[in-house]
Amino acid sequence: TTPESTEDKESARTLIELEKAWADEAKQGMSQSQLAGLFLNQVDKLGRENFGTLEAKTKTARQILSALGIAYDSSKDKEVLADQILVDTLGTRIAMALVGQTKGAISNAEMNLFLQASPTLASTYDGAILQASLLRRLSNLSIKRARDWGKAVQDGILSGAETPSARLRAARNWELSWQQKPENTFLTPDQNARLRKAA
């Protein structure tokens, strides 16, 4: 047998790292998708009338007044306040997830646009729903990519590739093809326009 070339050794290592990154992003995607789901449920529960800049800016004062028993003594008001606090907590976790997120299954340009628009989106009811929905979409794409790659390997995508370099090329070509499929698109044209406006 012919000893592996330096290029083949590097290609084998790179393919292992690529597959590990896809698996790690899928695992991270699962928890982020759950977080986005919790956030969406909580925002929906609050409703448009209890979400927004005014509510966010007065929340601390309402917490203090409630603790002192001066205002917000009805159980509904206390429940709304508790839900707003939970939405803030989940929103902070979403923001931290975005900052810590690698680009995952989307392009650098899409990720940068998403990050730039996120502070503006988070300040309105519809924007917060869009932000969480897009985080869920991003997370689900990372999960889908890992699953689709696993199926492609199982179906023999690497069978004809005799060297590590050829296997790495096959994996990279598969990823490019995967990203170009319409079902793997991150943003619709309308969402792209909304993010550009918010950025």
Protein backbone atom coordinates (compact mmCIF):
# COMPACT_ATOMS: atom_id res chain seq x y z
CA THR A 1 0.00 0.00 0.00
CA THR A 2 1.03 3.55 -0.69
CA PRO A 3 1.57 5.68 2.41
CA GLU A 4 -0.87 8.55 2.86
CA SER A 5 0.34 11.89 1.58
CA THR A 6 0.42 14.96 3.79
CA GLU A 7 -2.54 16.30 1.80
CA ASP A 8 -4.53 13.12 2.48
CA LYS A 9 -3.72 13.21 6.19
CA GLU A 10 -4.81 16.86 6.37
CA SER A 11 -7.95 16.10 4.34
CA ALA A 12 -8.89 13.22 6.64
CA ARG A 13 -8.44 15.44 9.70
CA THR A 14 -10.44 18.26 8.05
CA LEU A 15 -13.31 15.91 7.17
CA ILE A 16 -13.43 14.62 10.74
CA GLU A 17 -13.51 18.24 12.02
CA LEU A 18 -16.21 19.15 9.50
CA GLU A 19 -18.43 16.24 10.52
CA LYS A 20 -17.85 17.03 14.20
CA ALA A 21 -18.78 20.68 13.63
CA TRP A 22 -22.00 19.67 11.86
CA ALA A 23 -22.89 17.28 14.69
CA ASP A 24 -22.08 19.89 17.37
CA GLU A 25 -24.15 22.55 15.56
CA ALA A 26 -27.05 20.10 15.33
CA LYS A 27 -26.84 19.39 19.06
CA GLN A 28 -26.70 23.11 19.82
CA GLY A 29 -29.58 23.59 17.38
CA MET A 30 -31.80 21.25 19.35
CA SER A 31 -31.50 23.29 22.54
CA GLN A 32 -31.84 26.60 20.67
CA SER A 33 -34.94 25.38 18.86
CA GLN A 34 -36.49 24.47 22.23
CA LEU A 35 -35.53 27.88 23.63
CA ALA A 36 -37.09 29.64 20.64
CA GLY A 37 -40.24 27.56 21.09
CA LEU A 38 -40.50 28.52 24.76
CA PHE A 39 -40.02 32.17 23.87
CA LEU A 40 -42.67 32.06 21.12
CA ASN A 41 -45.18 30.41 23.46
CA GLN A 42 -44.54 32.99 26.18
CA VAL A 43 -44.75 35.97 23.80
CA ASP A 44 -47.99 34.57 22.41
CA LYS A 45 -49.33 34.20 25.96
CA LEU A 46 -48.44 37.81 26.75
CA GLY A 47 -50.02 39.15 23.59
CA ARG A 48 -49.29 42.32 21.71
CA GLU A 49 -50.81 44.57 24.41
CA ASN A 50 -48.38 43.38 27.09
CA PHE A 51 -45.19 43.40 25.02
CA GLY A 52 -43.01 46.23 23.79
CA THR A 53 -40.82 49.15 24.67
CA LEU A 54 -43.17 50.77 27.19
CA GLU A 55 -43.67 47.51 29.06
CA ALA A 56 -39.93 46.84 29.07
CA LYS A 57 -39.07 50.34 30.32
CA THR A 58 -41.66 50.28 33.13
CA LYS A 59 -41.14 46.67 34.22
CA THR A 60 -38.66 47.43 37.01
CA ALA A 61 -40.88 50.16 38.47
CA ARG A 62 -43.90 47.85 38.31
CA GLN A 63 -41.89 45.12 40.06
CA ILE A 64 -40.99 47.50 42.90
CA LEU A 65 -44.57 48.79 43.23
CA SER A 66 -45.90 45.24 43.22
CA ALA A 67 -43.42 44.17 45.90
CA LEU A 68 -44.49 47.12 48.03
CA GLY A 69 -48.15 46.29 47.48
CA ILE A 70 -48.80 49.81 46.11
CA ALA A 71 -49.95 48.75 42.65
CA TYR A 72 -50.43 45.69 40.52
CA ASP A 73 -52.11 43.73 43.23
CA SER A 74 -54.53 41.81 41.01
CA SER A 75 -53.52 38.25 40.22
CA LYS A 76 -53.80 38.97 36.46
CA ASP A 77 -51.43 41.94 36.71
CA LYS A 78 -48.95 39.87 38.72
CA GLU A 79 -49.19 37.05 36.17
CA VAL A 80 -48.55 39.47 33.29
CA LEU A 81 -45.56 40.91 35.13
CA ALA A 82 -44.18 37.42 35.81
CA ASP A 83 -44.67 36.51 32.14
CA GLN A 84 -42.86 39.70 31.07
CA ILE A 85 -39.94 38.84 33.34
CA LEU A 86 -39.81 35.34 31.85
CA VAL A 87 -39.92 36.75 28.29
CA ASP A 88 -37.02 39.07 29.19
CA THR A 89 -35.03 36.14 30.56
CA LEU A 90 -35.71 34.00 27.50
CA GLY A 91 -34.97 36.97 25.23
CA THR A 92 -31.60 37.43 26.94
CA ARG A 93 -30.84 33.74 26.45
CA ILE A 94 -31.77 34.06 22.77
CA ALA A 95 -29.48 37.07 22.39
CA MET A 96 -26.65 35.17 24.07
CA ALA A 97 -27.31 32.17 21.80
CA LEU A 98 -27.09 34.43 18.76
CA VAL A 99 -23.83 35.99 19.87
CA GLY A 100 -22.31 32.58 20.61
CA GLN A 101 -23.70 30.94 17.49
CA THR A 102 -21.44 29.93 14.71
CA LYS A 103 -23.04 30.55 11.35
CA GLY A 104 -24.33 27.01 11.21
CA ALA A 105 -26.14 26.04 8.04
CA ILE A 106 -26.44 29.58 6.64
CA SER A 107 -24.13 31.99 4.86
CA ASN A 108 -21.97 34.57 6.65
CA ALA A 109 -23.96 37.36 4.99
CA GLU A 110 -27.27 35.96 6.28
CA MET A 111 -25.90 35.51 9.79
CA ASN A 112 -24.48 39.05 9.86
CA LEU A 113 -27.80 40.48 8.65
CA PHE A 114 -29.68 38.47 11.30
CA LEU A 115 -27.35 39.66 14.08
CA GLN A 116 -27.53 43.31 12.95
CA ALA A 117 -31.34 43.26 12.84
CA SER A 118 -31.87 41.37 16.11
CA PRO A 119 -31.77 44.32 18.58
CA THR A 120 -34.41 46.20 16.57
CA LEU A 121 -36.53 43.08 16.11
CA ALA A 122 -36.51 42.26 19.82
CA SER A 123 -38.11 45.60 20.70
CA THR A 124 -41.48 44.91 19.04
CA TYR A 125 -44.02 42.10 19.33
CA ASP A 126 -43.92 41.14 15.63
CA GLY A 127 -40.15 41.58 15.51
CA ALA A 128 -39.60 39.36 18.53
CA ILE A 129 -41.76 36.67 16.96
CA LEU A 130 -39.80 36.94 13.70
CA GLN A 131 -36.47 36.83 15.56
CA ALA A 132 -37.40 33.72 17.54
CA SER A 133 -38.91 32.07 14.46
CA LEU A 134 -35.72 32.70 12.51
CA LEU A 135 -33.57 31.37 15.35
CA ARG A 136 -35.71 28.24 15.32
CA ARG A 137 -35.34 28.03 11.52
CA LEU A 138 -31.56 28.41 11.81
CA SER A 139 -31.44 25.74 14.51
CA ASN A 140 -33.62 23.37 12.52
CA LEU A 141 -31.45 23.83 9.43
CA SER A 142 -28.37 22.82 11.44
CA ILE A 143 -30.19 19.71 12.64
CA LYS A 144 -31.44 18.94 9.14
CA ARG A 145 -27.98 19.32 7.62
CA ALA A 146 -26.49 16.82 10.07
CA ARG A 147 -29.32 14.35 9.42
CA ASP A 148 -29.15 14.80 5.64
CA TRP A 149 -25.37 14.30 5.71
CA GLY A 150 -25.73 11.14 7.76
CA LYS A 151 -28.27 9.81 5.26
CA ALA A 152 -26.04 10.76 2.32
CA VAL A 153 -23.13 8.85 3.89
CA GLN A 154 -25.41 5.89 4.57
CA ASP A 155 -26.58 6.04 0.94
CA GLY A 156 -22.95 5.85 -0.23
CA ILE A 157 -21.90 9.39 -1.12
CA LEU A 158 -18.34 8.58 -0.02
CA SER A 159 -18.21 5.09 -1.54
CA GLY A 160 -16.50 6.12 -4.78
CA ALA A 161 -14.05 8.45 -3.06
CA GLU A 162 -10.87 6.41 -2.65
CA THR A 163 -8.69 8.97 -0.88
CA PRO A 164 -9.32 11.27 2.08
CA SER A 165 -8.90 14.24 -0.27
CA ALA A 166 -11.63 12.87 -2.54
CA ARG A 167 -13.92 12.24 0.46
CA LEU A 168 -13.41 15.80 1.68
CA ARG A 169 -14.19 17.18 -1.80
CA ALA A 170 -17.32 15.02 -1.91
CA ALA A 171 -18.42 16.38 1.50
CA ARG A 172 -17.81 19.99 0.49
CA ASN A 173 -19.63 19.52 -2.82
CA TRP A 174 -22.52 17.89 -0.99
CA GLU A 175 -22.71 20.87 1.41
CA LEU A 176 -22.79 23.37 -1.47
CA SER A 177 -25.54 21.40 -3.20
CA TRP A 178 -27.45 21.08 0.07
CA GLN A 179 -27.33 24.84 0.71
CA GLN A 180 -28.68 25.59 -2.78
CA LYS A 181 -31.81 23.49 -2.35
CA PRO A 182 -34.91 25.67 -1.82
CA GLU A 183 -35.99 23.71 1.27
CA ASN A 184 -32.66 24.59 2.92
CA THR A 185 -32.94 28.35 2.36
CA PHE A 186 -32.75 30.35 5.58
CA LEU A 187 -34.61 33.52 4.60
CA THR A 188 -37.53 34.14 2.31
CA PRO A 189 -37.24 37.31 0.18
CA ASP A 190 -39.78 39.00 2.48
CA GLN A 191 -37.84 38.05 5.62
CA ASN A 192 -34.62 39.26 4.02
CA ALA A 193 -36.25 42.63 3.28
CA ARG A 194 -37.60 42.88 6.86
CA LEU A 195 -34.17 42.15 8.30
CA ARG A 196 -32.51 44.71 6.02
CA LYS A 197 -35.03 47.31 7.14
CA ALA A 198 -34.39 46.47 10.83
CA ALA A 199 -30.58 46.31 10.52
